[in-house]
Amino acid sequence: MQLQRINLPELGLPVGPYVHAVRHQHTLYTSGFTAYGTAYQYGSLAEQTRGIFEQLLSIAEAQKTSLEGLVKVTIFVTDLERIAELRDCLMELYDGAVPASSLVKVDRLFSPELLIEVEAIFAL
C-alpha cells in the first residue's frame, strides 16, 4: 500500500501530528480544515466556508483535480441555526457538482471564533 502524505507550504505547515492530505491510489483524503489563520477567521459562516473551500481547492488543484472531483464532505458546525446560510454558500461553491455529505453539530471547535470545519474526499 503506497500512501503519499501531502503538505502544501502555501497553506502553512501543520502544527500537530497530521498532514494536509493523504493520497491513496486514485483517492485524496484531506484533514479537517477551518478558516483559522486566514483572512476569514473572524468572518461569518459563509465567509469561513469560502475560506475553507479555497484551501481545499488549492489541495485539489495541486493533485490535478477540482471541486468537481469532490466525492464526500464531512462538515462540523457549531450552530445549527445558520444552516440556511451554509446551504446557500455550499450550493454556490459546488456549482452543480454536489458531493455526498455528513453534517455534525459540535459544541465548539479549537478556537472560539471558528464556526465550521470541513473534511473532504476527492476522486483523482
N, C-alpha and C. Protein backbone atom coordinates (compact mmCIF):
# COMPACT_ATOMS: atom_id res chain seq x y z
N MET A 1 0.85 -1.17 0.00
CA MET A 1 0.00 0.00 0.00
C MET A 1 0.90 1.24 0.00
N GLN A 2 0.76 2.05 -1.03
CA GLN A 2 1.58 3.25 -1.13
C GLN A 2 0.73 4.48 -0.85
N LEU A 3 1.12 5.21 0.18
CA LEU A 3 0.43 6.44 0.55
C LEU A 3 1.36 7.62 0.30
N GLN A 4 0.79 8.70 -0.22
CA GLN A 4 1.55 9.93 -0.39
C GLN A 4 0.99 10.95 0.61
N ARG A 5 1.82 11.37 1.53
CA ARG A 5 1.41 12.36 2.54
C ARG A 5 1.77 13.74 2.02
N ILE A 6 0.79 14.64 2.03
CA ILE A 6 0.92 15.91 1.32
C ILE A 6 0.74 17.09 2.27
N ASN A 7 1.69 18.00 2.23
CA ASN A 7 1.57 19.31 2.87
C ASN A 7 1.85 20.37 1.81
N LEU A 8 1.01 21.37 1.74
CA LEU A 8 1.24 22.49 0.82
C LEU A 8 1.80 23.65 1.62
N PRO A 9 3.01 24.09 1.33
CA PRO A 9 3.62 25.19 2.08
C PRO A 9 2.76 26.45 2.10
N GLU A 10 2.04 26.72 1.01
CA GLU A 10 1.21 27.93 0.96
C GLU A 10 0.06 27.89 1.96
N LEU A 11 -0.27 26.73 2.47
CA LEU A 11 -1.32 26.62 3.50
C LEU A 11 -0.74 26.68 4.91
N GLY A 12 0.57 26.76 5.01
CA GLY A 12 1.21 26.75 6.33
C GLY A 12 1.36 25.31 6.79
N LEU A 13 2.49 25.00 7.35
CA LEU A 13 2.72 23.63 7.79
C LEU A 13 1.88 23.32 9.03
N PRO A 14 1.32 22.12 9.12
CA PRO A 14 0.53 21.74 10.29
C PRO A 14 1.36 21.84 11.58
N VAL A 15 0.70 22.26 12.65
CA VAL A 15 1.38 22.38 13.93
C VAL A 15 1.21 21.13 14.79
N GLY A 16 0.42 20.21 14.33
CA GLY A 16 0.19 18.97 15.07
C GLY A 16 0.65 17.76 14.27
N PRO A 17 0.37 16.58 14.77
CA PRO A 17 0.80 15.34 14.11
C PRO A 17 -0.18 14.92 13.01
N TYR A 18 -0.24 15.71 11.95
CA TYR A 18 -1.10 15.39 10.80
C TYR A 18 -0.55 16.06 9.56
N VAL A 19 -1.07 15.69 8.41
CA VAL A 19 -0.72 16.32 7.14
C VAL A 19 -1.99 16.92 6.55
N HIS A 20 -1.83 17.79 5.56
CA HIS A 20 -3.00 18.40 4.92
C HIS A 20 -3.86 17.36 4.23
N ALA A 21 -3.19 16.40 3.57
CA ALA A 21 -3.95 15.39 2.82
C ALA A 21 -3.10 14.13 2.67
N VAL A 22 -3.80 13.05 2.36
CA VAL A 22 -3.15 11.78 2.05
C VAL A 22 -3.76 11.26 0.76
N ARG A 23 -2.88 10.91 -0.16
CA ARG A 23 -3.33 10.33 -1.43
C ARG A 23 -3.10 8.82 -1.39
N HIS A 24 -4.13 8.08 -1.73
CA HIS A 24 -4.04 6.63 -1.85
C HIS A 24 -4.64 6.24 -3.19
N GLN A 25 -3.81 5.77 -4.09
CA GLN A 25 -4.22 5.42 -5.45
C GLN A 25 -4.96 6.59 -6.09
N HIS A 26 -6.24 6.44 -6.34
CA HIS A 26 -6.99 7.49 -7.04
C HIS A 26 -7.94 8.26 -6.12
N THR A 27 -7.58 8.31 -4.84
CA THR A 27 -8.41 8.99 -3.85
C THR A 27 -7.54 9.92 -3.01
N LEU A 28 -8.07 11.09 -2.74
CA LEU A 28 -7.38 12.09 -1.91
C LEU A 28 -8.25 12.38 -0.69
N TYR A 29 -7.68 12.19 0.48
CA TYR A 29 -8.38 12.43 1.75
C TYR A 29 -7.75 13.66 2.39
N THR A 30 -8.57 14.62 2.82
CA THR A 30 -7.99 15.78 3.49
C THR A 30 -8.24 15.71 4.99
N SER A 31 -7.39 16.42 5.70
CA SER A 31 -7.63 16.64 7.12
C SER A 31 -8.79 17.63 7.24
N GLY A 32 -9.24 17.87 8.44
CA GLY A 32 -10.27 18.88 8.66
C GLY A 32 -9.66 20.27 8.49
N PHE A 33 -10.33 21.12 7.74
CA PHE A 33 -9.87 22.49 7.52
C PHE A 33 -10.84 23.48 8.14
N THR A 34 -10.28 24.54 8.72
CA THR A 34 -11.05 25.66 9.25
C THR A 34 -10.51 26.93 8.61
N ALA A 35 -11.08 28.04 8.97
CA ALA A 35 -10.61 29.34 8.48
C ALA A 35 -9.51 29.91 9.37
N TYR A 36 -9.05 29.16 10.35
CA TYR A 36 -8.03 29.63 11.28
C TYR A 36 -6.77 30.06 10.52
N GLY A 37 -6.29 31.25 10.84
CA GLY A 37 -5.08 31.75 10.21
C GLY A 37 -5.30 32.35 8.84
N THR A 38 -6.56 32.45 8.39
CA THR A 38 -6.86 33.07 7.10
C THR A 38 -7.56 34.40 7.34
N ALA A 39 -7.78 35.13 6.27
CA ALA A 39 -8.49 36.40 6.35
C ALA A 39 -9.94 36.22 6.79
N TYR A 40 -10.44 34.99 6.73
CA TYR A 40 -11.84 34.70 7.04
C TYR A 40 -12.04 34.22 8.47
N GLN A 41 -11.01 34.13 9.26
CA GLN A 41 -11.08 33.54 10.59
C GLN A 41 -12.19 34.13 11.47
N TYR A 42 -12.40 35.42 11.40
CA TYR A 42 -13.42 36.07 12.23
C TYR A 42 -14.68 36.41 11.44
N GLY A 43 -14.82 35.81 10.26
CA GLY A 43 -15.94 36.13 9.39
C GLY A 43 -17.20 35.35 9.72
N SER A 44 -18.20 35.58 8.90
CA SER A 44 -19.48 34.88 9.02
C SER A 44 -19.29 33.41 8.65
N LEU A 45 -20.32 32.63 8.85
CA LEU A 45 -20.27 31.22 8.48
C LEU A 45 -19.98 31.07 6.99
N ALA A 46 -20.63 31.87 6.16
CA ALA A 46 -20.40 31.79 4.71
C ALA A 46 -18.96 32.20 4.37
N GLU A 47 -18.44 33.22 5.00
CA GLU A 47 -17.06 33.65 4.73
C GLU A 47 -16.07 32.57 5.16
N GLN A 48 -16.27 32.00 6.33
CA GLN A 48 -15.38 30.93 6.77
C GLN A 48 -15.46 29.73 5.84
N THR A 49 -16.65 29.41 5.38
CA THR A 49 -16.82 28.30 4.45
C THR A 49 -16.06 28.56 3.15
N ARG A 50 -16.18 29.76 2.61
CA ARG A 50 -15.44 30.10 1.39
C ARG A 50 -13.93 29.99 1.62
N GLY A 51 -13.47 30.45 2.77
CA GLY A 51 -12.04 30.35 3.09
C GLY A 51 -11.57 28.91 3.16
N ILE A 52 -12.39 28.05 3.71
CA ILE A 52 -12.05 26.62 3.78
C ILE A 52 -11.99 26.02 2.38
N PHE A 53 -12.98 26.35 1.57
CA PHE A 53 -13.00 25.77 0.23
C PHE A 53 -11.89 26.32 -0.66
N GLU A 54 -11.39 27.50 -0.38
CA GLU A 54 -10.20 27.99 -1.09
C GLU A 54 -9.01 27.08 -0.77
N GLN A 55 -8.89 26.69 0.49
CA GLN A 55 -7.81 25.78 0.89
C GLN A 55 -7.98 24.40 0.26
N LEU A 56 -9.19 23.88 0.29
CA LEU A 56 -9.45 22.58 -0.31
C LEU A 56 -9.18 22.60 -1.81
N LEU A 57 -9.53 23.69 -2.47
CA LEU A 57 -9.29 23.82 -3.90
C LEU A 57 -7.79 23.86 -4.19
N SER A 58 -7.01 24.50 -3.34
CA SER A 58 -5.55 24.52 -3.51
C SER A 58 -4.99 23.11 -3.48
N ILE A 59 -5.45 22.31 -2.53
CA ILE A 59 -5.00 20.92 -2.43
C ILE A 59 -5.46 20.13 -3.66
N ALA A 60 -6.71 20.30 -4.03
CA ALA A 60 -7.25 19.57 -5.19
C ALA A 60 -6.46 19.91 -6.45
N GLU A 61 -6.23 21.18 -6.69
CA GLU A 61 -5.52 21.58 -7.91
C GLU A 61 -4.08 21.08 -7.91
N ALA A 62 -3.44 21.05 -6.75
CA ALA A 62 -2.08 20.52 -6.66
C ALA A 62 -2.03 19.04 -7.02
N GLN A 63 -3.17 18.35 -6.88
CA GLN A 63 -3.26 16.93 -7.20
C GLN A 63 -4.01 16.70 -8.52
N LYS A 64 -4.13 17.77 -9.30
CA LYS A 64 -4.72 17.70 -10.65
C LYS A 64 -6.20 17.31 -10.66
N THR A 65 -6.94 17.84 -9.68
CA THR A 65 -8.39 17.67 -9.70
C THR A 65 -9.01 19.01 -9.34
N SER A 66 -10.30 19.04 -9.14
CA SER A 66 -11.02 20.28 -8.83
C SER A 66 -12.17 19.94 -7.89
N LEU A 67 -12.99 20.92 -7.60
CA LEU A 67 -14.16 20.66 -6.75
C LEU A 67 -15.14 19.71 -7.43
N GLU A 68 -15.06 19.56 -8.75
CA GLU A 68 -15.91 18.59 -9.44
C GLU A 68 -15.54 17.16 -9.05
N GLY A 69 -14.32 16.96 -8.57
CA GLY A 69 -13.89 15.64 -8.12
C GLY A 69 -14.23 15.35 -6.67
N LEU A 70 -14.93 16.28 -6.05
CA LEU A 70 -15.30 16.12 -4.64
C LEU A 70 -16.33 15.00 -4.51
N VAL A 71 -15.98 13.97 -3.75
CA VAL A 71 -16.85 12.80 -3.57
C VAL A 71 -17.69 12.95 -2.31
N LYS A 72 -17.05 13.37 -1.20
CA LYS A 72 -17.72 13.41 0.10
C LYS A 72 -17.13 14.50 0.96
N VAL A 73 -17.98 15.18 1.71
CA VAL A 73 -17.53 16.13 2.72
C VAL A 73 -18.16 15.74 4.05
N THR A 74 -17.42 15.97 5.10
CA THR A 74 -17.95 15.89 6.46
C THR A 74 -17.79 17.28 7.04
N ILE A 75 -18.90 17.86 7.46
CA ILE A 75 -18.93 19.24 7.91
C ILE A 75 -19.31 19.28 9.38
N PHE A 76 -18.50 19.99 10.16
CA PHE A 76 -18.74 20.18 11.58
C PHE A 76 -19.09 21.64 11.79
N VAL A 77 -20.25 21.91 12.39
CA VAL A 77 -20.67 23.29 12.65
C VAL A 77 -20.99 23.46 14.13
N THR A 78 -20.86 24.69 14.58
CA THR A 78 -21.15 24.98 15.99
C THR A 78 -22.57 25.50 16.20
N ASP A 79 -23.27 25.85 15.12
CA ASP A 79 -24.59 26.46 15.26
C ASP A 79 -25.52 25.97 14.15
N LEU A 80 -26.51 25.17 14.51
CA LEU A 80 -27.46 24.67 13.51
C LEU A 80 -28.46 25.72 13.05
N GLU A 81 -28.54 26.84 13.74
CA GLU A 81 -29.44 27.91 13.34
C GLU A 81 -29.00 28.59 12.05
N ARG A 82 -27.77 28.36 11.63
CA ARG A 82 -27.21 29.02 10.43
C ARG A 82 -27.15 28.09 9.22
N ILE A 83 -27.89 27.01 9.26
CA ILE A 83 -27.81 26.01 8.20
C ILE A 83 -28.25 26.57 6.85
N ALA A 84 -29.23 27.43 6.81
CA ALA A 84 -29.67 28.01 5.52
C ALA A 84 -28.53 28.80 4.88
N GLU A 85 -27.79 29.57 5.69
CA GLU A 85 -26.64 30.32 5.18
C GLU A 85 -25.59 29.35 4.62
N LEU A 86 -25.35 28.27 5.33
CA LEU A 86 -24.38 27.28 4.89
C LEU A 86 -24.84 26.62 3.59
N ARG A 87 -26.08 26.22 3.51
CA ARG A 87 -26.60 25.57 2.29
C ARG A 87 -26.44 26.47 1.08
N ASP A 88 -26.81 27.74 1.22
CA ASP A 88 -26.70 28.68 0.10
C ASP A 88 -25.25 28.81 -0.36
N CYS A 89 -24.35 28.93 0.58
CA CYS A 89 -22.93 29.06 0.26
C CYS A 89 -22.41 27.80 -0.44
N LEU A 90 -22.75 26.63 0.09
CA LEU A 90 -22.28 25.38 -0.50
C LEU A 90 -22.84 25.18 -1.90
N MET A 91 -24.09 25.49 -2.12
CA MET A 91 -24.67 25.33 -3.46
C MET A 91 -23.92 26.19 -4.47
N GLU A 92 -23.54 27.38 -4.06
CA GLU A 92 -22.76 28.26 -4.94
C GLU A 92 -21.37 27.66 -5.21
N LEU A 93 -20.72 27.18 -4.16
CA LEU A 93 -19.38 26.61 -4.31
C LEU A 93 -19.39 25.33 -5.14
N TYR A 94 -20.37 24.47 -4.94
CA TYR A 94 -20.42 23.20 -5.65
C TYR A 94 -20.76 23.39 -7.12
N ASP A 95 -21.49 24.43 -7.46
CA ASP A 95 -21.85 24.73 -8.84
C ASP A 95 -22.41 23.50 -9.57
N GLY A 96 -23.29 22.78 -8.90
CA GLY A 96 -23.95 21.64 -9.51
C GLY A 96 -23.29 20.30 -9.26
N ALA A 97 -22.02 20.28 -8.86
CA ALA A 97 -21.30 19.03 -8.60
C ALA A 97 -21.39 18.71 -7.11
N VAL A 98 -22.58 18.36 -6.67
CA VAL A 98 -22.87 18.16 -5.25
C VAL A 98 -22.33 16.82 -4.78
N PRO A 99 -21.51 16.81 -3.72
CA PRO A 99 -20.96 15.55 -3.20
C PRO A 99 -21.89 14.91 -2.17
N ALA A 100 -21.55 13.71 -1.76
CA ALA A 100 -22.19 13.12 -0.58
C ALA A 100 -21.74 13.97 0.61
N SER A 101 -22.54 13.99 1.67
CA SER A 101 -22.22 14.90 2.77
C SER A 101 -22.77 14.40 4.09
N SER A 102 -22.01 14.71 5.15
CA SER A 102 -22.49 14.50 6.52
C SER A 102 -22.35 15.82 7.24
N LEU A 103 -23.29 16.12 8.12
CA LEU A 103 -23.27 17.35 8.90
C LEU A 103 -23.35 16.97 10.37
N VAL A 104 -22.39 17.49 11.14
CA VAL A 104 -22.31 17.16 12.56
C VAL A 104 -22.29 18.46 13.35
N LYS A 105 -23.13 18.56 14.36
CA LYS A 105 -23.13 19.72 15.25
C LYS A 105 -22.17 19.43 16.40
N VAL A 106 -21.26 20.37 16.64
CA VAL A 106 -20.30 20.25 17.74
C VAL A 106 -20.48 21.45 18.67
N ASP A 107 -20.08 21.30 19.91
CA ASP A 107 -20.20 22.39 20.87
C ASP A 107 -19.29 23.55 20.53
N ARG A 108 -18.05 23.22 20.12
CA ARG A 108 -17.11 24.26 19.71
C ARG A 108 -15.96 23.60 18.98
N LEU A 109 -15.22 24.44 18.26
CA LEU A 109 -14.01 23.99 17.60
C LEU A 109 -12.83 24.48 18.43
N PHE A 110 -11.61 24.28 17.99
CA PHE A 110 -10.44 24.54 18.83
C PHE A 110 -10.18 26.01 19.13
N SER A 111 -10.83 26.92 18.40
CA SER A 111 -10.71 28.35 18.68
C SER A 111 -12.13 28.92 18.66
N PRO A 112 -12.52 29.73 19.64
CA PRO A 112 -13.92 30.10 19.82
C PRO A 112 -14.59 30.82 18.65
N GLU A 113 -13.84 31.52 17.81
CA GLU A 113 -14.45 32.24 16.70
C GLU A 113 -14.75 31.35 15.50
N LEU A 114 -14.23 30.14 15.51
CA LEU A 114 -14.44 29.23 14.38
C LEU A 114 -15.84 28.63 14.43
N LEU A 115 -16.51 28.65 13.28
CA LEU A 115 -17.90 28.21 13.18
C LEU A 115 -18.06 26.90 12.41
N ILE A 116 -17.01 26.52 11.66
CA ILE A 116 -17.12 25.37 10.77
C ILE A 116 -15.76 24.73 10.52
N GLU A 117 -15.78 23.41 10.35
CA GLU A 117 -14.62 22.65 9.92
C GLU A 117 -15.09 21.67 8.86
N VAL A 118 -14.28 21.45 7.83
CA VAL A 118 -14.67 20.58 6.73
C VAL A 118 -13.55 19.60 6.41
N GLU A 119 -13.91 18.31 6.31
CA GLU A 119 -13.03 17.27 5.80
C GLU A 119 -13.57 16.90 4.43
N ALA A 120 -12.67 16.52 3.51
CA ALA A 120 -13.11 16.21 2.16
C ALA A 120 -12.41 14.98 1.60
N ILE A 121 -13.10 14.31 0.69
CA ILE A 121 -12.55 13.20 -0.06
C ILE A 121 -12.76 13.51 -1.54
N PHE A 122 -11.66 13.42 -2.31
CA PHE A 122 -11.70 13.70 -3.74
C PHE A 122 -11.36 12.45 -4.53
N ALA A 123 -11.99 12.29 -5.69
CA ALA A 123 -11.58 11.29 -6.67
C ALA A 123 -10.51 11.93 -7.55
N LEU A 124 -9.50 11.16 -7.88
CA LEU A 124 -8.42 11.68 -8.73
C LEU A 124 -8.43 11.00 -10.09
